[in-house]
Amino acid sequence: MVYEGIDEVIRMAERTTLDTFHQMLADLERDDWAALAQHPGLGETREHFPHVHAAFPDLRHTIESEFVNGEMLAAVVYLEGTHLGPYWGLAPTGKHVRYRLLVIDRIVDGKIVLHHAAPDFLGLFAQLGAPLRPEGVGAEA
């Protein structure tokens, strides 16, 4: 049947998309910037993640769920680690944190060409005990 062949091609393409995403997470955990440089869509991640990894050197990713449709991948990823270095002006707390990251990627020919990541910064900073309201905002006069 013709559709069986098409289904197999789709499954192979989706497997490549998943493998690329999983490899990217592994490269982040190892600080493998050379491997990450091959992905044109990861420019902002390559810029920001060294600061994250310096603050949370034991940071690990756990994929809770993922969905692939053609070149597009969506995932819910949890990041977990210990706050051992300064992060966004917050001194190290030594606290272990776990926070969610929503990801949408477009992967073409094994390369991440578009990457959207929405971390739960509110949840992260609440766990670290950071003030959730900027100084002076909401203060009564």
N, C-alpha and C. Protein backbone atom coordinates (compact mmCIF):
# COMPACT_ATOMS: atom_id res chain seq x y z
N MET A 1 0.83 -1.17 0.00
CA MET A 1 0.00 0.00 0.00
C MET A 1 0.88 1.24 0.00
N VAL A 2 0.56 2.23 -0.79
CA VAL A 2 1.36 3.45 -0.94
C VAL A 2 1.47 4.19 0.39
N TYR A 3 0.40 4.25 1.16
CA TYR A 3 0.41 5.02 2.40
C TYR A 3 1.40 4.47 3.43
N GLU A 4 1.65 3.15 3.41
CA GLU A 4 2.59 2.56 4.35
C GLU A 4 3.98 3.16 4.14
N GLY A 5 4.38 3.34 2.91
CA GLY A 5 5.68 3.93 2.62
C GLY A 5 5.75 5.38 3.07
N ILE A 6 4.70 6.12 2.86
CA ILE A 6 4.65 7.52 3.28
C ILE A 6 4.68 7.61 4.80
N ASP A 7 3.94 6.75 5.46
CA ASP A 7 3.94 6.74 6.92
C ASP A 7 5.34 6.48 7.46
N GLU A 8 6.07 5.56 6.85
CA GLU A 8 7.43 5.25 7.30
C GLU A 8 8.35 6.45 7.10
N VAL A 9 8.23 7.13 6.00
CA VAL A 9 9.04 8.34 5.76
C VAL A 9 8.73 9.40 6.81
N ILE A 10 7.47 9.58 7.13
CA ILE A 10 7.07 10.56 8.15
C ILE A 10 7.65 10.16 9.51
N ARG A 11 7.55 8.87 9.86
CA ARG A 11 8.11 8.42 11.14
C ARG A 11 9.62 8.64 11.20
N MET A 12 10.32 8.40 10.10
CA MET A 12 11.77 8.61 10.07
C MET A 12 12.10 10.09 10.23
N ALA A 13 11.34 10.96 9.56
CA ALA A 13 11.57 12.41 9.68
C ALA A 13 11.30 12.87 11.11
N GLU A 14 10.24 12.36 11.71
CA GLU A 14 9.92 12.73 13.08
C GLU A 14 10.99 12.21 14.05
N ARG A 15 11.52 11.02 13.80
CA ARG A 15 12.60 10.48 14.64
C ARG A 15 13.83 11.37 14.54
N THR A 16 14.17 11.85 13.34
CA THR A 16 15.30 12.75 13.16
C THR A 16 15.08 14.05 13.93
N THR A 17 13.85 14.57 13.89
CA THR A 17 13.53 15.79 14.62
C THR A 17 13.72 15.57 16.12
N LEU A 18 13.19 14.47 16.65
CA LEU A 18 13.34 14.16 18.07
C LEU A 18 14.80 13.95 18.45
N ASP A 19 15.53 13.20 17.62
CA ASP A 19 16.95 12.96 17.90
C ASP A 19 17.73 14.27 17.94
N THR A 20 17.44 15.17 17.02
CA THR A 20 18.13 16.47 16.99
C THR A 20 17.84 17.24 18.27
N PHE A 21 16.59 17.28 18.69
CA PHE A 21 16.21 17.99 19.91
C PHE A 21 16.89 17.37 21.13
N HIS A 22 16.87 16.05 21.25
CA HIS A 22 17.49 15.38 22.39
C HIS A 22 19.00 15.64 22.41
N GLN A 23 19.63 15.63 21.24
CA GLN A 23 21.06 15.88 21.17
C GLN A 23 21.38 17.31 21.59
N MET A 24 20.52 18.27 21.20
CA MET A 24 20.73 19.66 21.59
C MET A 24 20.70 19.80 23.10
N LEU A 25 19.76 19.14 23.78
CA LEU A 25 19.70 19.20 25.24
C LEU A 25 20.96 18.59 25.86
N ALA A 26 21.43 17.49 25.31
CA ALA A 26 22.65 16.86 25.82
C ALA A 26 23.85 17.79 25.61
N ASP A 27 23.91 18.45 24.46
CA ASP A 27 25.01 19.38 24.19
C ASP A 27 24.98 20.55 25.17
N LEU A 28 23.78 21.04 25.51
CA LEU A 28 23.66 22.12 26.50
C LEU A 28 24.21 21.67 27.85
N GLU A 29 23.87 20.48 28.26
CA GLU A 29 24.32 19.98 29.56
C GLU A 29 25.83 19.82 29.61
N ARG A 30 26.47 19.55 28.46
CA ARG A 30 27.92 19.38 28.40
C ARG A 30 28.65 20.67 28.05
N ASP A 31 27.91 21.77 27.85
CA ASP A 31 28.53 23.03 27.39
C ASP A 31 29.28 22.83 26.08
N ASP A 32 28.74 22.05 25.19
CA ASP A 32 29.38 21.78 23.90
C ASP A 32 28.96 22.85 22.90
N TRP A 33 29.61 24.01 22.99
CA TRP A 33 29.23 25.17 22.18
C TRP A 33 29.53 24.95 20.71
N ALA A 34 30.54 24.16 20.39
CA ALA A 34 30.85 23.87 18.98
C ALA A 34 29.69 23.09 18.34
N ALA A 35 29.16 22.12 19.06
CA ALA A 35 28.04 21.34 18.52
C ALA A 35 26.80 22.22 18.37
N LEU A 36 26.58 23.12 19.32
CA LEU A 36 25.40 23.99 19.27
C LEU A 36 25.51 25.04 18.17
N ALA A 37 26.73 25.39 17.77
CA ALA A 37 26.94 26.42 16.75
C ALA A 37 26.38 26.00 15.39
N GLN A 38 26.19 24.70 15.17
CA GLN A 38 25.68 24.22 13.88
C GLN A 38 24.19 24.54 13.68
N HIS A 39 23.52 24.97 14.74
CA HIS A 39 22.09 25.23 14.69
C HIS A 39 21.84 26.74 14.59
N PRO A 40 21.47 27.24 13.43
CA PRO A 40 21.28 28.69 13.28
C PRO A 40 20.19 29.28 14.15
N GLY A 41 19.25 28.47 14.60
CA GLY A 41 18.15 28.98 15.42
C GLY A 41 18.47 29.11 16.89
N LEU A 42 19.68 28.74 17.31
CA LEU A 42 20.00 28.73 18.73
C LEU A 42 20.87 29.91 19.17
N GLY A 43 20.92 30.97 18.39
CA GLY A 43 21.77 32.11 18.72
C GLY A 43 21.51 32.67 20.10
N GLU A 44 20.26 32.91 20.43
CA GLU A 44 19.91 33.48 21.74
C GLU A 44 20.23 32.49 22.86
N THR A 45 20.00 31.22 22.62
CA THR A 45 20.31 30.20 23.62
C THR A 45 21.82 30.15 23.87
N ARG A 46 22.62 30.20 22.79
CA ARG A 46 24.07 30.18 22.95
C ARG A 46 24.56 31.40 23.72
N GLU A 47 23.84 32.50 23.60
CA GLU A 47 24.22 33.72 24.32
C GLU A 47 23.82 33.64 25.79
N HIS A 48 22.64 33.13 26.09
CA HIS A 48 22.09 33.15 27.44
C HIS A 48 22.52 31.96 28.29
N PHE A 49 22.62 30.78 27.69
CA PHE A 49 22.78 29.57 28.49
C PHE A 49 24.08 29.50 29.29
N PRO A 50 25.21 30.07 28.83
CA PRO A 50 26.40 30.03 29.69
C PRO A 50 26.16 30.68 31.05
N HIS A 51 25.33 31.72 31.11
CA HIS A 51 25.01 32.36 32.39
C HIS A 51 24.16 31.43 33.26
N VAL A 52 23.24 30.73 32.62
CA VAL A 52 22.40 29.77 33.35
C VAL A 52 23.28 28.66 33.91
N HIS A 53 24.15 28.13 33.07
CA HIS A 53 24.99 27.00 33.50
C HIS A 53 25.99 27.43 34.57
N ALA A 54 26.46 28.68 34.52
CA ALA A 54 27.37 29.17 35.57
C ALA A 54 26.65 29.27 36.91
N ALA A 55 25.38 29.64 36.88
CA ALA A 55 24.60 29.77 38.12
C ALA A 55 24.10 28.42 38.62
N PHE A 56 23.84 27.50 37.70
CA PHE A 56 23.31 26.17 38.05
C PHE A 56 24.19 25.11 37.37
N PRO A 57 25.40 24.89 37.86
CA PRO A 57 26.34 24.02 37.15
C PRO A 57 25.90 22.56 37.04
N ASP A 58 24.98 22.11 37.88
CA ASP A 58 24.51 20.73 37.82
C ASP A 58 23.17 20.63 37.10
N LEU A 59 22.81 21.64 36.33
CA LEU A 59 21.50 21.70 35.67
C LEU A 59 21.30 20.51 34.74
N ARG A 60 20.12 19.90 34.84
CA ARG A 60 19.75 18.78 33.97
C ARG A 60 18.37 19.04 33.40
N HIS A 61 18.14 18.47 32.22
CA HIS A 61 16.86 18.60 31.52
C HIS A 61 16.12 17.27 31.58
N THR A 62 14.82 17.34 31.83
CA THR A 62 13.97 16.15 31.76
C THR A 62 12.78 16.51 30.88
N ILE A 63 12.60 15.73 29.83
CA ILE A 63 11.49 15.97 28.91
C ILE A 63 10.24 15.31 29.49
N GLU A 64 9.22 16.14 29.75
CA GLU A 64 7.96 15.60 30.26
C GLU A 64 7.08 15.14 29.11
N SER A 65 7.01 15.95 28.07
CA SER A 65 6.22 15.56 26.89
C SER A 65 6.77 16.27 25.67
N GLU A 66 6.54 15.66 24.53
CA GLU A 66 6.99 16.26 23.27
C GLU A 66 6.05 15.82 22.16
N PHE A 67 5.96 16.67 21.17
CA PHE A 67 5.06 16.44 20.05
C PHE A 67 5.76 16.89 18.78
N VAL A 68 5.72 16.07 17.76
CA VAL A 68 6.34 16.41 16.48
C VAL A 68 5.29 16.39 15.41
N ASN A 69 5.31 17.41 14.57
CA ASN A 69 4.46 17.48 13.40
C ASN A 69 5.31 18.03 12.27
N GLY A 70 5.79 17.13 11.41
CA GLY A 70 6.66 17.56 10.32
C GLY A 70 7.95 18.13 10.87
N GLU A 71 8.25 19.37 10.50
CA GLU A 71 9.48 20.04 10.95
C GLU A 71 9.35 20.66 12.32
N MET A 72 8.15 20.68 12.87
CA MET A 72 7.90 21.38 14.13
C MET A 72 7.91 20.41 15.32
N LEU A 73 8.52 20.88 16.40
CA LEU A 73 8.56 20.12 17.63
C LEU A 73 8.11 21.04 18.76
N ALA A 74 7.27 20.54 19.62
CA ALA A 74 6.87 21.25 20.84
C ALA A 74 7.18 20.33 22.01
N ALA A 75 7.69 20.92 23.09
CA ALA A 75 8.05 20.09 24.24
C ALA A 75 7.85 20.84 25.54
N VAL A 76 7.55 20.07 26.57
CA VAL A 76 7.56 20.58 27.94
C VAL A 76 8.77 19.92 28.59
N VAL A 77 9.70 20.77 29.02
CA VAL A 77 10.95 20.29 29.59
C VAL A 77 11.08 20.86 31.00
N TYR A 78 11.54 20.06 31.92
CA TYR A 78 11.83 20.56 33.27
C TYR A 78 13.33 20.67 33.44
N LEU A 79 13.77 21.78 33.99
CA LEU A 79 15.17 22.01 34.31
C LEU A 79 15.31 21.92 35.82
N GLU A 80 16.36 21.25 36.24
CA GLU A 80 16.55 21.02 37.67
C GLU A 80 18.03 21.18 38.00
N GLY A 81 18.31 21.93 39.06
CA GLY A 81 19.70 22.12 39.45
C GLY A 81 19.80 22.93 40.74
N THR A 82 21.05 23.17 41.14
CA THR A 82 21.32 23.86 42.39
C THR A 82 21.90 25.24 42.09
N HIS A 83 21.36 26.25 42.74
CA HIS A 83 21.77 27.65 42.51
C HIS A 83 23.09 27.91 43.24
N LEU A 84 24.21 27.80 42.51
CA LEU A 84 25.53 27.92 43.11
C LEU A 84 26.31 29.13 42.63
N GLY A 85 25.74 29.90 41.70
CA GLY A 85 26.42 31.10 41.19
C GLY A 85 25.42 32.21 41.02
N PRO A 86 25.90 33.46 40.88
CA PRO A 86 24.97 34.58 40.71
C PRO A 86 24.13 34.43 39.45
N TYR A 87 22.89 34.87 39.53
CA TYR A 87 21.98 34.79 38.39
C TYR A 87 21.04 35.98 38.42
N TRP A 88 21.08 36.79 37.40
CA TRP A 88 20.25 37.98 37.25
C TRP A 88 20.31 38.84 38.52
N GLY A 89 21.49 39.01 39.05
CA GLY A 89 21.68 39.87 40.21
C GLY A 89 21.37 39.20 41.54
N LEU A 90 20.98 37.94 41.52
CA LEU A 90 20.65 37.22 42.74
C LEU A 90 21.86 36.39 43.17
N ALA A 91 22.34 36.63 44.39
CA ALA A 91 23.48 35.88 44.92
C ALA A 91 23.12 34.40 45.05
N PRO A 92 24.12 33.53 44.97
CA PRO A 92 23.85 32.09 45.11
C PRO A 92 23.12 31.77 46.42
N THR A 93 22.13 30.92 46.31
CA THR A 93 21.33 30.56 47.49
C THR A 93 21.62 29.13 47.95
N GLY A 94 22.20 28.31 47.09
CA GLY A 94 22.40 26.90 47.41
C GLY A 94 21.13 26.08 47.31
N LYS A 95 20.04 26.72 46.88
CA LYS A 95 18.75 26.02 46.79
C LYS A 95 18.67 25.16 45.52
N HIS A 96 18.05 24.02 45.69
CA HIS A 96 17.77 23.14 44.55
C HIS A 96 16.43 23.58 43.95
N VAL A 97 16.41 23.79 42.64
CA VAL A 97 15.19 24.27 41.98
C VAL A 97 14.79 23.32 40.85
N ARG A 98 13.53 23.40 40.51
CA ARG A 98 12.98 22.68 39.36
C ARG A 98 11.95 23.59 38.72
N TYR A 99 12.17 23.92 37.45
CA TYR A 99 11.22 24.80 36.77
C TYR A 99 10.98 24.34 35.35
N ARG A 100 9.86 24.81 34.80
CA ARG A 100 9.38 24.35 33.49
C ARG A 100 9.88 25.26 32.38
N LEU A 101 10.10 24.64 31.23
CA LEU A 101 10.48 25.34 30.01
C LEU A 101 9.59 24.81 28.89
N LEU A 102 8.89 25.70 28.21
CA LEU A 102 8.10 25.31 27.04
C LEU A 102 8.93 25.63 25.80
N VAL A 103 9.03 24.68 24.89
CA VAL A 103 9.89 24.82 23.71
C VAL A 103 9.09 24.56 22.45
N ILE A 104 9.32 25.39 21.44
CA ILE A 104 8.82 25.13 20.09
C ILE A 104 10.00 25.33 19.16
N ASP A 105 10.34 24.30 18.41
CA ASP A 105 11.47 24.35 17.48
C ASP A 105 11.02 23.96 16.08
N ARG A 106 11.70 24.54 15.11
CA ARG A 106 11.57 24.09 13.72
C ARG A 106 12.92 23.48 13.36
N ILE A 107 12.89 22.23 12.95
CA ILE A 107 14.12 21.49 12.66
C ILE A 107 14.08 21.04 11.21
N VAL A 108 15.08 21.49 10.45
CA VAL A 108 15.17 21.18 9.02
C VAL A 108 16.53 20.53 8.76
N ASP A 109 16.52 19.37 8.14
CA ASP A 109 17.76 18.65 7.81
C ASP A 109 18.68 18.50 9.02
N GLY A 110 18.09 18.19 10.18
CA GLY A 110 18.88 17.95 11.37
C GLY A 110 19.44 19.20 12.03
N LYS A 111 18.95 20.37 11.62
CA LYS A 111 19.41 21.64 12.19
C LYS A 111 18.23 22.39 12.78
N ILE A 112 18.41 22.93 13.98
CA ILE A 112 17.38 23.75 14.59
C ILE A 112 17.49 25.13 13.95
N VAL A 113 16.49 25.48 13.14
CA VAL A 113 16.53 26.75 12.41
C VAL A 113 15.68 27.82 13.10
N LEU A 114 14.80 27.40 13.98
CA LEU A 114 13.97 28.34 14.73
C LEU A 114 13.75 27.74 16.12
N HIS A 115 13.95 28.56 17.14
CA HIS A 115 13.86 28.05 18.51
C HIS A 115 13.15 29.08 19.37
N HIS A 116 12.04 28.65 19.96
CA HIS A 116 11.32 29.48 20.92
C HIS A 116 11.35 28.75 22.25
N ALA A 117 11.76 29.44 23.30
CA ALA A 117 11.79 28.84 24.63
C ALA A 117 11.16 29.82 25.61
N ALA A 118 10.24 29.33 26.41
CA ALA A 118 9.56 30.17 27.40
C ALA A 118 9.75 29.55 28.79
N PRO A 119 10.81 29.99 29.50
CA PRO A 119 11.03 29.46 30.84
C PRO A 119 10.08 30.07 31.85
N ASP A 120 9.77 29.31 32.88
CA ASP A 120 8.92 29.78 33.98
C ASP A 120 9.79 30.53 34.99
N PHE A 121 10.19 31.76 34.61
CA PHE A 121 11.05 32.55 35.48
C PHE A 121 10.36 32.89 36.79
N LEU A 122 9.05 33.12 36.77
CA LEU A 122 8.33 33.44 37.99
C LEU A 122 8.47 32.29 39.00
N GLY A 123 8.27 31.07 38.51
CA GLY A 123 8.43 29.91 39.37
C GLY A 123 9.86 29.73 39.87
N LEU A 124 10.82 29.98 38.97
CA LEU A 124 12.22 29.86 39.34
C LEU A 124 12.59 30.85 40.44
N PHE A 125 12.26 32.13 40.23
CA PHE A 125 12.64 33.15 41.20
C PHE A 125 11.89 32.99 42.52
N ALA A 126 10.66 32.49 42.48
CA ALA A 126 9.93 32.22 43.72
C ALA A 126 10.66 31.14 44.53
N GLN A 127 11.15 30.10 43.86
CA GLN A 127 11.89 29.05 44.55
C GLN A 127 13.19 29.57 45.16
N LEU A 128 13.78 30.57 44.49
CA LEU A 128 15.04 31.13 44.98
C LEU A 128 14.83 32.17 46.08
N GLY A 129 13.56 32.51 46.33
CA GLY A 129 13.26 33.51 47.36
C GLY A 129 13.49 34.93 46.91
N ALA A 130 13.53 35.14 45.61
CA ALA A 130 13.74 36.48 45.06
C ALA A 130 12.45 37.29 45.21
N PRO A 131 12.58 38.60 45.41
CA PRO A 131 11.37 39.43 45.47
C PRO A 131 10.64 39.36 44.13
N LEU A 132 9.36 39.09 44.17
CA LEU A 132 8.60 38.95 42.94
C LEU A 132 7.95 40.27 42.52
N ARG A 133 8.14 41.29 43.31
CA ARG A 133 7.61 42.60 42.96
C ARG A 133 8.78 43.58 42.97
N PRO A 134 8.98 44.30 41.87
CA PRO A 134 10.08 45.28 41.84
C PRO A 134 9.93 46.30 42.96
N GLU A 135 11.04 46.73 43.47
CA GLU A 135 11.03 47.70 44.57
C GLU A 135 10.21 48.92 44.21
N GLY A 136 9.30 49.30 45.09
CA GLY A 136 8.48 50.49 44.88
C GLY A 136 7.18 50.25 44.13
N VAL A 137 7.06 49.12 43.45
CA VAL A 137 5.84 48.84 42.69
C VAL A 137 4.78 48.30 43.65
N GLY A 138 3.64 48.90 43.65
CA GLY A 138 2.54 48.44 44.48
C GLY A 138 2.64 48.91 45.92
N ALA A 139 3.68 49.67 46.22
CA ALA A 139 3.82 50.18 47.58
C ALA A 139 2.83 51.32 47.79
N GLU A 140 2.27 51.33 48.96
CA GLU A 140 1.32 52.40 49.27
C GLU A 140 2.05 53.69 49.58
N ALA A 141 1.51 54.80 49.08
CA ALA A 141 2.16 56.10 49.29
C ALA A 141 1.88 56.64 50.67
